[in-house]
Protein backbone atom coordinates (compact mmCIF):
# COMPACT_ATOMS: atom_id res chain seq x y z
CA MET A 1 7.22 -6.13 1.81
CA LYS A 2 5.65 -3.21 3.65
CA ILE A 3 2.12 -1.90 3.20
CA ILE A 4 2.14 1.90 3.36
CA ASN A 5 -0.87 3.35 5.18
CA HIS A 6 -1.39 6.93 6.26
CA PRO A 7 -4.54 8.86 7.23
CA SER A 8 -3.94 11.35 4.39
CA MET A 9 -3.87 8.64 1.71
CA PRO A 10 -6.89 7.81 -0.43
CA VAL A 11 -8.51 4.51 0.57
CA GLY A 12 -9.86 2.11 -2.03
CA ASN A 13 -13.09 0.16 -1.84
CA GLY A 14 -11.73 -3.19 -3.03
CA HIS A 15 -9.53 -5.94 -1.64
CA TYR A 16 -6.13 -4.36 -2.33
CA SER A 17 -3.47 -2.14 -0.81
CA THR A 18 -3.19 1.41 -2.06
CA CYS A 19 0.60 1.40 -1.75
CA ILE A 20 3.24 -1.28 -1.16
CA GLU A 21 6.98 -0.81 -0.69
CA HIS A 22 9.26 -3.69 -1.64
CA ASN A 23 13.00 -3.82 -2.39
CA GLY A 24 13.34 -0.05 -2.76
CA LEU A 25 10.28 0.33 -4.99
CA LEU A 26 6.89 1.81 -4.26
CA TYR A 27 3.93 0.24 -6.08
CA ILE A 28 0.86 2.47 -6.20
CA SER A 29 -2.47 0.91 -7.11
CA GLY A 30 -4.75 2.40 -9.73
CA GLN A 31 -6.36 5.64 -8.65
CA LEU A 32 -9.78 6.64 -9.93
CA PRO A 33 -11.01 10.25 -9.90
CA LEU A 34 -13.49 9.52 -7.16
CA GLU A 35 -13.74 11.64 -4.03
CA ASP A 36 -16.51 11.41 -1.44
CA GLY A 37 -18.42 9.20 -3.87
CA GLN A 38 -18.34 11.88 -6.58
CA VAL A 39 -16.59 11.92 -9.96
CA PRO A 40 -15.71 15.42 -11.26
CA GLU A 41 -17.09 16.35 -14.63
CA GLY A 42 -14.67 16.34 -17.57
CA ILE A 43 -11.34 14.73 -18.30
CA GLU A 44 -9.18 17.65 -17.13
CA ALA A 45 -10.77 17.73 -13.67
CA GLN A 46 -10.58 13.95 -13.42
CA THR A 47 -6.91 13.95 -14.45
CA ARG A 48 -6.08 16.63 -11.89
CA LEU A 49 -7.81 14.57 -9.19
CA VAL A 50 -5.97 11.30 -9.94
CA LEU A 51 -2.67 13.20 -9.99
CA ALA A 52 -3.54 14.89 -6.69
CA LYS A 53 -4.28 11.47 -5.21
CA LEU A 54 -0.94 10.20 -6.54
CA ASP A 55 0.74 13.20 -4.90
CA GLN A 56 -1.01 12.46 -1.56
CA ILE A 57 0.28 8.89 -1.64
CA LEU A 58 3.82 9.98 -2.54
CA GLN A 59 3.86 12.55 0.27
CA ALA A 60 2.54 10.00 2.78
CA ALA A 61 5.39 7.68 1.76
CA ASP A 62 7.92 10.58 1.93
CA ILE A 63 8.60 10.32 -1.82
CA ARG A 64 8.94 13.18 -4.32
CA LYS A 65 7.24 13.02 -7.70
CA GLU A 66 10.72 13.10 -9.27
CA GLN A 67 11.13 9.58 -7.86
CA VAL A 68 8.27 8.24 -9.99
CA LEU A 69 9.73 5.78 -12.47
CA GLN A 70 6.67 4.69 -14.42
CA VAL A 71 3.04 5.70 -14.84
CA ARG A 72 0.32 3.63 -16.47
CA ILE A 73 -2.80 5.51 -17.53
CA TYR A 74 -6.06 3.83 -18.51
CA LEU A 75 -8.38 5.97 -20.65
CA SER A 76 -11.98 5.19 -21.52
CA ASP A 77 -11.49 7.03 -24.84
CA ILE A 78 -8.12 7.63 -26.51
CA ALA A 79 -9.54 10.87 -27.98
CA LEU A 80 -9.08 12.34 -24.47
CA TRP A 81 -5.30 11.86 -24.63
CA ASP A 82 -4.30 15.40 -25.64
CA GLN A 83 -6.17 16.94 -22.69
CA VAL A 84 -4.72 14.36 -20.29
CA ASN A 85 -1.21 14.95 -21.57
CA LEU A 86 -1.42 18.71 -20.91
CA VAL A 87 -2.50 18.25 -17.27
CA TYR A 88 0.04 15.42 -16.80
CA ALA A 89 2.92 17.53 -18.20
CA ASP A 90 1.97 20.41 -15.92
CA PHE A 91 1.99 18.09 -12.88
CA PHE A 92 5.37 16.46 -13.60
CA GLY A 93 7.13 19.50 -15.11
CA GLU A 94 10.63 18.61 -16.33
CA HIS A 95 10.45 15.09 -14.91
CA LYS A 96 9.34 12.54 -17.50
CA PRO A 97 8.65 9.08 -16.04
CA ALA A 98 8.29 6.12 -18.38
CA ARG A 99 4.64 5.96 -19.35
CA CYS A 100 2.05 3.70 -20.92
CA VAL A 101 -1.40 4.83 -22.03
CA VAL A 102 -3.94 2.04 -22.35
CA PRO A 103 -7.23 2.69 -24.16
CA THR A 104 -9.82 0.61 -22.35
CA CYS A 105 -13.50 -0.10 -21.92
CA PRO A 106 -15.58 2.11 -19.64
CA LEU A 107 -14.05 2.38 -16.18
CA HIS A 108 -15.75 1.82 -12.83
CA TYR A 109 -18.20 4.52 -11.64
CA GLY A 110 -18.17 6.06 -15.14
CA CYS A 111 -14.66 7.46 -14.65
CA LEU A 112 -12.75 8.53 -17.75
CA ILE A 113 -9.25 7.83 -16.37
CA GLU A 114 -7.37 5.59 -13.93
CA LEU A 115 -3.69 5.97 -13.06
CA GLU A 116 -1.14 3.68 -11.38
CA ALA A 117 2.55 4.30 -10.72
CA THR A 118 5.87 2.87 -9.58
CA ALA A 119 8.48 4.96 -7.75
CA PHE A 120 11.83 4.33 -6.08
CA THR A 121 12.19 4.79 -2.34
CA SER A 122 15.95 4.79 -1.79
CA LYS A 123 16.69 7.94 0.17
CA ASN A 124 20.38 7.92 -0.76
CA GLU A 125 19.75 7.58 -4.49
CA GLN A 126 19.59 10.77 -6.56
CA ALA A 127 16.44 11.53 -8.55
């Protein structure tokens, strides 16, 4: 097991690692749309921010978004799903990782969305 740390990666406030590599897989902890203590207004802006944070982590680990295998999205209100899906589809383009959307109670800091992911790290494997 290897904990992935890089100055460009978002850093969480809790007792957890943002990103762990193990047996060719990259496990990325849940990312909230929180930056400099601020949460952007609206689900589209919050979705763009969690996806940007995911992209920062992937880049720091030298992984392309086409190597993402699964994404789990937690939403404070399932009525937000259509807006989330549009931003998500724009981010991933033709790549379609396995996905789970979990309607949940209110999220920390009043966030509307949280996103976690799993990717493969094998450099010799084709995406």
